[in-house]
Amino acid sequence: METNEKKIVNEKPAVSAGLNIVIIVGTIIFPIVGIATGYTYYRKDHPDMKTAGKRWLMLGIIIFLVNILLVSIMR
């Protein structure tokens, strides 16, 4: 049982915290970044990658819609 626990502890995460932060900040600045990377990661077979991709895709779409709303309000 100890070897299984050590394997889990030593495994690298599928999506690193640094990559997650970079994609989120990039998505806030350029929503297409989140949409493109989110779609790419959502199509992967790994469940952690799929979850991250879904999160980035949703954030990208939300930020894109907010940008459209803000532009239409400013007119």
PDB file of N, CA and C in Angstrom:
ATOM      1  N   MET A   1       0.808  -1.182   0.000  1.00  0.00           N
ATOM      2  CA  MET A   1       0.000   0.000   0.000  1.00  0.00           C
ATOM      3  C   MET A   1       0.864   1.264   0.000  1.00  0.00           C
ATOM      4  N   GLU A   2       2.018   1.185   0.595  1.00  0.00           N
ATOM      5  CA  GLU A   2       2.897   2.343   0.637  1.00  0.00           C
ATOM      6  C   GLU A   2       3.404   2.714  -0.751  1.00  0.00           C
ATOM      7  N   THR A   3       3.651   1.735  -1.600  1.00  0.00           N
ATOM      8  CA  THR A   3       4.155   2.044  -2.936  1.00  0.00           C
ATOM      9  C   THR A   3       3.118   2.795  -3.760  1.00  0.00           C
ATOM     10  N   ASN A   4       1.831   2.462  -3.604  1.00  0.00           N
ATOM     11  CA  ASN A   4       0.778   3.186  -4.312  1.00  0.00           C
ATOM     12  C   ASN A   4       0.700   4.624  -3.835  1.00  0.00           C
ATOM     13  N   GLU A   5       0.835   4.825  -2.524  1.00  0.00           N
ATOM     14  CA  GLU A   5       0.787   6.177  -1.992  1.00  0.00           C
ATOM     15  C   GLU A   5       1.978   6.987  -2.481  1.00  0.00           C
ATOM     16  N   LYS A   6       3.140   6.375  -2.559  1.00  0.00           N
ATOM     17  CA  LYS A   6       4.321   7.081  -3.040  1.00  0.00           C
ATOM     18  C   LYS A   6       4.181   7.422  -4.514  1.00  0.00           C
ATOM     19  N   LYS A   7       3.572   6.549  -5.290  1.00  0.00           N
ATOM     20  CA  LYS A   7       3.357   6.841  -6.702  1.00  0.00           C
ATOM     21  C   LYS A   7       2.469   8.071  -6.863  1.00  0.00           C
ATOM     22  N   ILE A   8       1.417   8.136  -6.072  1.00  0.00           N
ATOM     23  CA  ILE A   8       0.486   9.257  -6.163  1.00  0.00           C
ATOM     24  C   ILE A   8       1.176  10.552  -5.756  1.00  0.00           C
ATOM     25  N   VAL A   9       1.984  10.512  -4.721  1.00  0.00           N
ATOM     26  CA  VAL A   9       2.678  11.710  -4.261  1.00  0.00           C
ATOM     27  C   VAL A   9       3.720  12.166  -5.272  1.00  0.00           C
ATOM     28  N   ASN A  10       4.425  11.236  -5.897  1.00  0.00           N
ATOM     29  CA  ASN A  10       5.499  11.579  -6.824  1.00  0.00           C
ATOM     30  C   ASN A  10       5.014  11.919  -8.227  1.00  0.00           C
ATOM     31  N   GLU A  11       3.762  11.650  -8.552  1.00  0.00           N
ATOM     32  CA  GLU A  11       3.247  11.951  -9.882  1.00  0.00           C
ATOM     33  C   GLU A  11       3.146  13.455 -10.081  1.00  0.00           C
ATOM     34  N   LYS A  12       3.527  13.890 -11.269  1.00  0.00           N
ATOM     35  CA  LYS A  12       3.367  15.297 -11.604  1.00  0.00           C
ATOM     36  C   LYS A  12       1.909  15.529 -11.986  1.00  0.00           C
ATOM     37  N   PRO A  13       1.373  16.696 -11.654  1.00  0.00           N
ATOM     38  CA  PRO A  13      -0.001  16.978 -12.073  1.00  0.00           C
ATOM     39  C   PRO A  13      -0.065  17.127 -13.594  1.00  0.00           C
ATOM     40  N   ALA A  14      -1.190  16.788 -14.148  1.00  0.00           N
ATOM     41  CA  ALA A  14      -1.362  16.879 -15.606  1.00  0.00           C
ATOM     42  C   ALA A  14      -1.286  18.330 -16.070  1.00  0.00           C
ATOM     43  N   VAL A  15      -1.810  19.239 -15.247  1.00  0.00           N
ATOM     44  CA  VAL A  15      -1.770  20.666 -15.543  1.00  0.00           C
ATOM     45  C   VAL A  15      -1.121  21.346 -14.346  1.00  0.00           C
ATOM     46  N   SER A  16       0.044  21.937 -14.545  1.00  0.00           N
ATOM     47  CA  SER A  16       0.758  22.566 -13.437  1.00  0.00           C
ATOM     48  C   SER A  16       0.066  23.849 -13.003  1.00  0.00           C
ATOM     49  N   ALA A  17       0.353  24.256 -11.786  1.00  0.00           N
ATOM     50  CA  ALA A  17      -0.238  25.484 -11.255  1.00  0.00           C
ATOM     51  C   ALA A  17       0.225  26.696 -12.060  1.00  0.00           C
ATOM     52  N   GLY A  18       1.484  26.681 -12.485  1.00  0.00           N
ATOM     53  CA  GLY A  18       2.007  27.788 -13.280  1.00  0.00           C
ATOM     54  C   GLY A  18       1.294  27.925 -14.609  1.00  0.00           C
ATOM     55  N   LEU A  19       1.073  26.807 -15.286  1.00  0.00           N
ATOM     56  CA  LEU A  19       0.357  26.829 -16.562  1.00  0.00           C
ATOM     57  C   LEU A  19      -1.072  27.318 -16.359  1.00  0.00           C
ATOM     58  N   ASN A  20      -1.697  26.866 -15.299  1.00  0.00           N
ATOM     59  CA  ASN A  20      -3.064  27.275 -15.004  1.00  0.00           C
ATOM     60  C   ASN A  20      -3.142  28.788 -14.816  1.00  0.00           C
ATOM     61  N   ILE A  21      -2.203  29.365 -14.071  1.00  0.00           N
ATOM     62  CA  ILE A  21      -2.201  30.809 -13.830  1.00  0.00           C
ATOM     63  C   ILE A  21      -1.946  31.575 -15.127  1.00  0.00           C
ATOM     64  N   VAL A  22      -1.001  31.104 -15.918  1.00  0.00           N
ATOM     65  CA  VAL A  22      -0.675  31.778 -17.187  1.00  0.00           C
ATOM     66  C   VAL A  22      -1.876  31.778 -18.124  1.00  0.00           C
ATOM     67  N   ILE A  23      -2.562  30.651 -18.220  1.00  0.00           N
ATOM     68  CA  ILE A  23      -3.730  30.572 -19.113  1.00  0.00           C
ATOM     69  C   ILE A  23      -4.855  31.466 -18.608  1.00  0.00           C
ATOM     70  N   ILE A  24      -5.085  31.507 -17.307  1.00  0.00           N
ATOM     71  CA  ILE A  24      -6.155  32.351 -16.759  1.00  0.00           C
ATOM     72  C   ILE A  24      -5.859  33.823 -17.006  1.00  0.00           C
ATOM     73  N   VAL A  25      -4.621  34.252 -16.729  1.00  0.00           N
ATOM     74  CA  VAL A  25      -4.255  35.658 -16.961  1.00  0.00           C
ATOM     75  C   VAL A  25      -4.327  35.973 -18.456  1.00  0.00           C
ATOM     76  N   GLY A  26      -3.836  35.072 -19.289  1.00  0.00           N
ATOM     77  CA  GLY A  26      -3.910  35.271 -20.729  1.00  0.00           C
ATOM     78  C   GLY A  26      -5.343  35.357 -21.228  1.00  0.00           C
ATOM     79  N   THR A  27      -6.216  34.574 -20.635  1.00  0.00           N
ATOM     80  CA  THR A  27      -7.625  34.579 -21.030  1.00  0.00           C
ATOM     81  C   THR A  27      -8.297  35.888 -20.641  1.00  0.00           C
ATOM     82  N   ILE A  28      -7.933  36.430 -19.494  1.00  0.00           N
ATOM     83  CA  ILE A  28      -8.516  37.701 -19.067  1.00  0.00           C
ATOM     84  C   ILE A  28      -8.098  38.812 -20.036  1.00  0.00           C
ATOM     85  N   ILE A  29      -6.858  38.762 -20.512  1.00  0.00           N
ATOM     86  CA  ILE A  29      -6.373  39.785 -21.441  1.00  0.00           C
ATOM     87  C   ILE A  29      -6.872  39.508 -22.862  1.00  0.00           C
ATOM     88  N   PHE A  30      -6.715  38.265 -23.315  1.00  0.00           N
ATOM     89  CA  PHE A  30      -7.146  37.851 -24.657  1.00  0.00           C
ATOM     90  C   PHE A  30      -8.027  36.610 -24.523  1.00  0.00           C
ATOM     91  N   PRO A  31      -9.345  36.757 -24.583  1.00  0.00           N
ATOM     92  CA  PRO A  31     -10.246  35.612 -24.385  1.00  0.00           C
ATOM     93  C   PRO A  31     -10.012  34.452 -25.350  1.00  0.00           C
ATOM     94  N   ILE A  32      -9.488  34.726 -26.527  1.00  0.00           N
ATOM     95  CA  ILE A  32      -9.267  33.656 -27.502  1.00  0.00           C
ATOM     96  C   ILE A  32      -8.242  32.655 -26.980  1.00  0.00           C
ATOM     97  N   VAL A  33      -7.335  33.086 -26.104  1.00  0.00           N
ATOM     98  CA  VAL A  33      -6.351  32.177 -25.510  1.00  0.00           C
ATOM     99  C   VAL A  33      -7.067  31.084 -24.713  1.00  0.00           C
ATOM    100  N   GLY A  34      -8.006  31.480 -23.887  1.00  0.00           N
ATOM    101  CA  GLY A  34      -8.751  30.510 -23.083  1.00  0.00           C
ATOM    102  C   GLY A  34      -9.635  29.617 -23.929  1.00  0.00           C
ATOM    103  N   ILE A  35     -10.225  30.190 -24.953  1.00  0.00           N
ATOM    104  CA  ILE A  35     -11.097  29.402 -25.821  1.00  0.00           C
ATOM    105  C   ILE A  35     -10.282  28.356 -26.580  1.00  0.00           C
ATOM    106  N   ALA A  36      -9.158  28.770 -27.140  1.00  0.00           N
ATOM    107  CA  ALA A  36      -8.341  27.842 -27.935  1.00  0.00           C
ATOM    108  C   ALA A  36      -7.691  26.764 -27.068  1.00  0.00           C
ATOM    109  N   THR A  37      -7.039  27.165 -25.978  1.00  0.00           N
ATOM    110  CA  THR A  37      -6.385  26.160 -25.131  1.00  0.00           C
ATOM    111  C   THR A  37      -7.412  25.311 -24.401  1.00  0.00           C
ATOM    112  N   GLY A  38      -8.509  25.921 -24.018  1.00  0.00           N
ATOM    113  CA  GLY A  38      -9.567  25.158 -23.352  1.00  0.00           C
ATOM    114  C   GLY A  38     -10.133  24.071 -24.245  1.00  0.00           C
ATOM    115  N   TYR A  39     -10.384  24.415 -25.493  1.00  0.00           N
ATOM    116  CA  TYR A  39     -10.906  23.428 -26.437  1.00  0.00           C
ATOM    117  C   TYR A  39      -9.893  22.310 -26.671  1.00  0.00           C
ATOM    118  N   THR A  40      -8.616  22.703 -26.789  1.00  0.00           N
ATOM    119  CA  THR A  40      -7.561  21.719 -27.020  1.00  0.00           C
ATOM    120  C   THR A  40      -7.442  20.751 -25.843  1.00  0.00           C
ATOM    121  N   TYR A  41      -7.423  21.283 -24.641  1.00  0.00           N
ATOM    122  CA  TYR A  41      -7.287  20.434 -23.455  1.00  0.00           C
ATOM    123  C   TYR A  41      -8.567  19.651 -23.174  1.00  0.00           C
ATOM    124  N   TYR A  42      -9.723  20.211 -23.516  1.00  0.00           N
ATOM    125  CA  TYR A  42     -10.994  19.512 -23.280  1.00  0.00           C
ATOM    126  C   TYR A  42     -11.088  18.238 -24.113  1.00  0.00           C
ATOM    127  N   ARG A  43     -10.408  18.194 -25.247  1.00  0.00           N
ATOM    128  CA  ARG A  43     -10.443  17.016 -26.120  1.00  0.00           C
ATOM    129  C   ARG A  43      -9.481  15.918 -25.676  1.00  0.00           C
ATOM    130  N   LYS A  44      -8.628  16.179 -24.677  1.00  0.00           N
ATOM    131  CA  LYS A  44      -7.666  15.182 -24.193  1.00  0.00           C
ATOM    132  C   LYS A  44      -8.398  14.089 -23.414  1.00  0.00           C
ATOM    133  N   ASP A  45      -7.739  12.937 -23.270  1.00  0.00           N
ATOM    134  CA  ASP A  45      -8.349  11.814 -22.557  1.00  0.00           C
ATOM    135  C   ASP A  45      -8.150  11.880 -21.044  1.00  0.00           C
ATOM    136  N   HIS A  46      -7.112  12.573 -20.597  1.00  0.00           N
ATOM    137  CA  HIS A  46      -6.808  12.650 -19.169  1.00  0.00           C
ATOM    138  C   HIS A  46      -7.878  13.483 -18.461  1.00  0.00           C
ATOM    139  N   PRO A  47      -8.475  12.981 -17.359  1.00  0.00           N
ATOM    140  CA  PRO A  47      -9.570  13.708 -16.705  1.00  0.00           C
ATOM    141  C   PRO A  47      -9.157  15.075 -16.144  1.00  0.00           C
ATOM    142  N   ASP A  48      -7.926  15.201 -15.641  1.00  0.00           N
ATOM    143  CA  ASP A  48      -7.491  16.500 -15.124  1.00  0.00           C
ATOM    144  C   ASP A  48      -7.331  17.518 -16.253  1.00  0.00           C
ATOM    145  N   MET A  49      -6.827  17.077 -17.382  1.00  0.00           N
ATOM    146  CA  MET A  49      -6.691  17.966 -18.533  1.00  0.00           C
ATOM    147  C   MET A  49      -8.059  18.373 -19.062  1.00  0.00           C
ATOM    148  N   LYS A  50      -8.975  17.425 -19.071  1.00  0.00           N
ATOM    149  CA  LYS A  50     -10.334  17.703 -19.541  1.00  0.00           C
ATOM    150  C   LYS A  50     -11.016  18.733 -18.629  1.00  0.00           C
ATOM    151  N   THR A  51     -10.817  18.602 -17.316  1.00  0.00           N
ATOM    152  CA  THR A  51     -11.404  19.543 -16.358  1.00  0.00           C
ATOM    153  C   THR A  51     -10.811  20.934 -16.530  1.00  0.00           C
ATOM    154  N   ALA A  52      -9.490  21.004 -16.656  1.00  0.00           N
ATOM    155  CA  ALA A  52      -8.831  22.300 -16.856  1.00  0.00           C
ATOM    156  C   ALA A  52      -9.291  22.929 -18.165  1.00  0.00           C
ATOM    157  N   GLY A  53      -9.393  22.134 -19.207  1.00  0.00           N
ATOM    158  CA  GLY A  53      -9.843  22.641 -20.497  1.00  0.00           C
ATOM    159  C   GLY A  53     -11.256  23.187 -20.434  1.00  0.00           C
ATOM    160  N   LYS A  54     -12.103  22.499 -19.725  1.00  0.00           N
ATOM    161  CA  LYS A  54     -13.494  22.951 -19.573  1.00  0.00           C
ATOM    162  C   LYS A  54     -13.537  24.284 -18.832  1.00  0.00           C
ATOM    163  N   ARG A  55     -12.736  24.388 -17.779  1.00  0.00           N
ATOM    164  CA  ARG A  55     -12.679  25.617 -16.982  1.00  0.00           C
ATOM    165  C   ARG A  55     -12.173  26.785 -17.833  1.00  0.00           C
ATOM    166  N   TRP A  56     -11.083  26.560 -18.600  1.00  0.00           N
ATOM    167  CA  TRP A  56     -10.526  27.625 -19.430  1.00  0.00           C
ATOM    168  C   TRP A  56     -11.469  28.004 -20.554  1.00  0.00           C
ATOM    169  N   LEU A  57     -12.131  27.028 -21.144  1.00  0.00           N
ATOM    170  CA  LEU A  57     -13.079  27.290 -22.226  1.00  0.00           C
ATOM    171  C   LEU A  57     -14.242  28.141 -21.727  1.00  0.00           C
ATOM    172  N   MET A  58     -14.791  27.785 -20.578  1.00  0.00           N
ATOM    173  CA  MET A  58     -15.902  28.558 -20.010  1.00  0.00           C
ATOM    174  C   MET A  58     -15.458  29.976 -19.660  1.00  0.00           C
ATOM    175  N   LEU A  59     -14.276  30.116 -19.060  1.00  0.00           N
ATOM    176  CA  LEU A  59     -13.764  31.439 -18.715  1.00  0.00           C
ATOM    177  C   LEU A  59     -13.561  32.280 -19.979  1.00  0.00           C
ATOM    178  N   GLY A  60     -13.005  31.684 -21.020  1.00  0.00           N
ATOM    179  CA  GLY A  60     -12.797  32.412 -22.267  1.00  0.00           C
ATOM    180  C   GLY A  60     -14.099  32.898 -22.879  1.00  0.00           C
ATOM    181  N   ILE A  61     -15.105  32.058 -22.871  1.00  0.00           N
ATOM    182  CA  ILE A  61     -16.409  32.450 -23.432  1.00  0.00           C
ATOM    183  C   ILE A  61     -17.044  33.547 -22.587  1.00  0.00           C
ATOM    184  N   ILE A  62     -16.961  33.427 -21.270  1.00  0.00           N
ATOM    185  CA  ILE A  62     -17.540  34.444 -20.375  1.00  0.00           C
ATOM    186  C   ILE A  62     -16.840  35.782 -20.575  1.00  0.00           C
ATOM    187  N   ILE A  63     -15.508  35.781 -20.601  1.00  0.00           N
ATOM    188  CA  ILE A  63     -14.764  37.033 -20.794  1.00  0.00           C
ATOM    189  C   ILE A  63     -15.071  37.630 -22.164  1.00  0.00           C
ATOM    190  N   PHE A  64     -15.183  36.796 -23.187  1.00  0.00           N
ATOM    191  CA  PHE A  64     -15.526  37.268 -24.532  1.00  0.00           C
ATOM    192  C   PHE A  64     -16.899  37.952 -24.528  1.00  0.00           C
ATOM    193  N   LEU A  65     -17.882  37.331 -23.871  1.00  0.00           N
ATOM    194  CA  LEU A  65     -19.222  37.923 -23.815  1.00  0.00           C
ATOM    195  C   LEU A  65     -19.239  39.210 -22.995  1.00  0.00           C
ATOM    196  N   VAL A  66     -18.470  39.247 -21.922  1.00  0.00           N
ATOM    197  CA  VAL A  66     -18.379  40.475 -21.120  1.00  0.00           C
ATOM    198  C   VAL A  66     -17.747  41.594 -21.947  1.00  0.00           C
ATOM    199  N   ASN A  67     -16.732  41.277 -22.732  1.00  0.00           N
ATOM    200  CA  ASN A  67     -16.117  42.298 -23.588  1.00  0.00           C
ATOM    201  C   ASN A  67     -17.129  42.838 -24.603  1.00  0.00           C
ATOM    202  N   ILE A  68     -17.898  41.964 -25.197  1.00  0.00           N
ATOM    203  CA  ILE A  68     -18.921  42.406 -26.150  1.00  0.00           C
ATOM    204  C   ILE A  68     -19.949  43.299 -25.460  1.00  0.00           C
ATOM    205  N   LEU A  69     -20.361  42.900 -24.269  1.00  0.00           N
ATOM    206  CA  LEU A  69     -21.327  43.696 -23.500  1.00  0.00           C
ATOM    207  C   LEU A  69     -20.757  45.078 -23.163  1.00  0.00           C
ATOM    208  N   LEU A  70     -19.512  45.120 -22.722  1.00  0.00           N
ATOM    209  CA  LEU A  70     -18.910  46.409 -22.370  1.00  0.00           C
ATOM    210  C   LEU A  70     -18.755  47.309 -23.586  1.00  0.00           C
ATOM    211  N   VAL A  71     -18.390  46.758 -24.723  1.00  0.00           N
ATOM    212  CA  VAL A  71     -18.264  47.555 -25.939  1.00  0.00           C
ATOM    213  C   VAL A  71     -19.627  48.110 -26.365  1.00  0.00           C
ATOM    214  N   SER A  72     -20.668  47.293 -26.259  1.00  0.00           N
ATOM    215  CA  SER A  72     -21.992  47.763 -26.664  1.00  0.00           C
ATOM    216  C   SER A  72     -22.545  48.820 -25.696  1.00  0.00           C
ATOM    217  N   ILE A  73     -22.177  48.736 -24.422  1.00  0.00           N
ATOM    218  CA  ILE A  73     -22.621  49.732 -23.447  1.00  0.00           C
ATOM    219  C   ILE A  73     -21.909  51.064 -23.675  1.00  0.00           C
ATOM    220  N   MET A  74     -20.645  51.008 -24.075  1.00  0.00           N
ATOM    221  CA  MET A  74     -19.855  52.236 -24.249  1.00  0.00           C
ATOM    222  C   MET A  74     -20.232  53.021 -25.497  1.00  0.00           C
ATOM    223  N   ARG A  75     -20.985  52.454 -26.384  1.00  0.00           N
ATOM    224  CA  ARG A  75     -21.378  53.168 -27.613  1.00  0.00           C
ATOM    225  C   ARG A  75     -22.362  54.246 -27.328  1.00  0.00           C
TER     226      ARG A  75
END
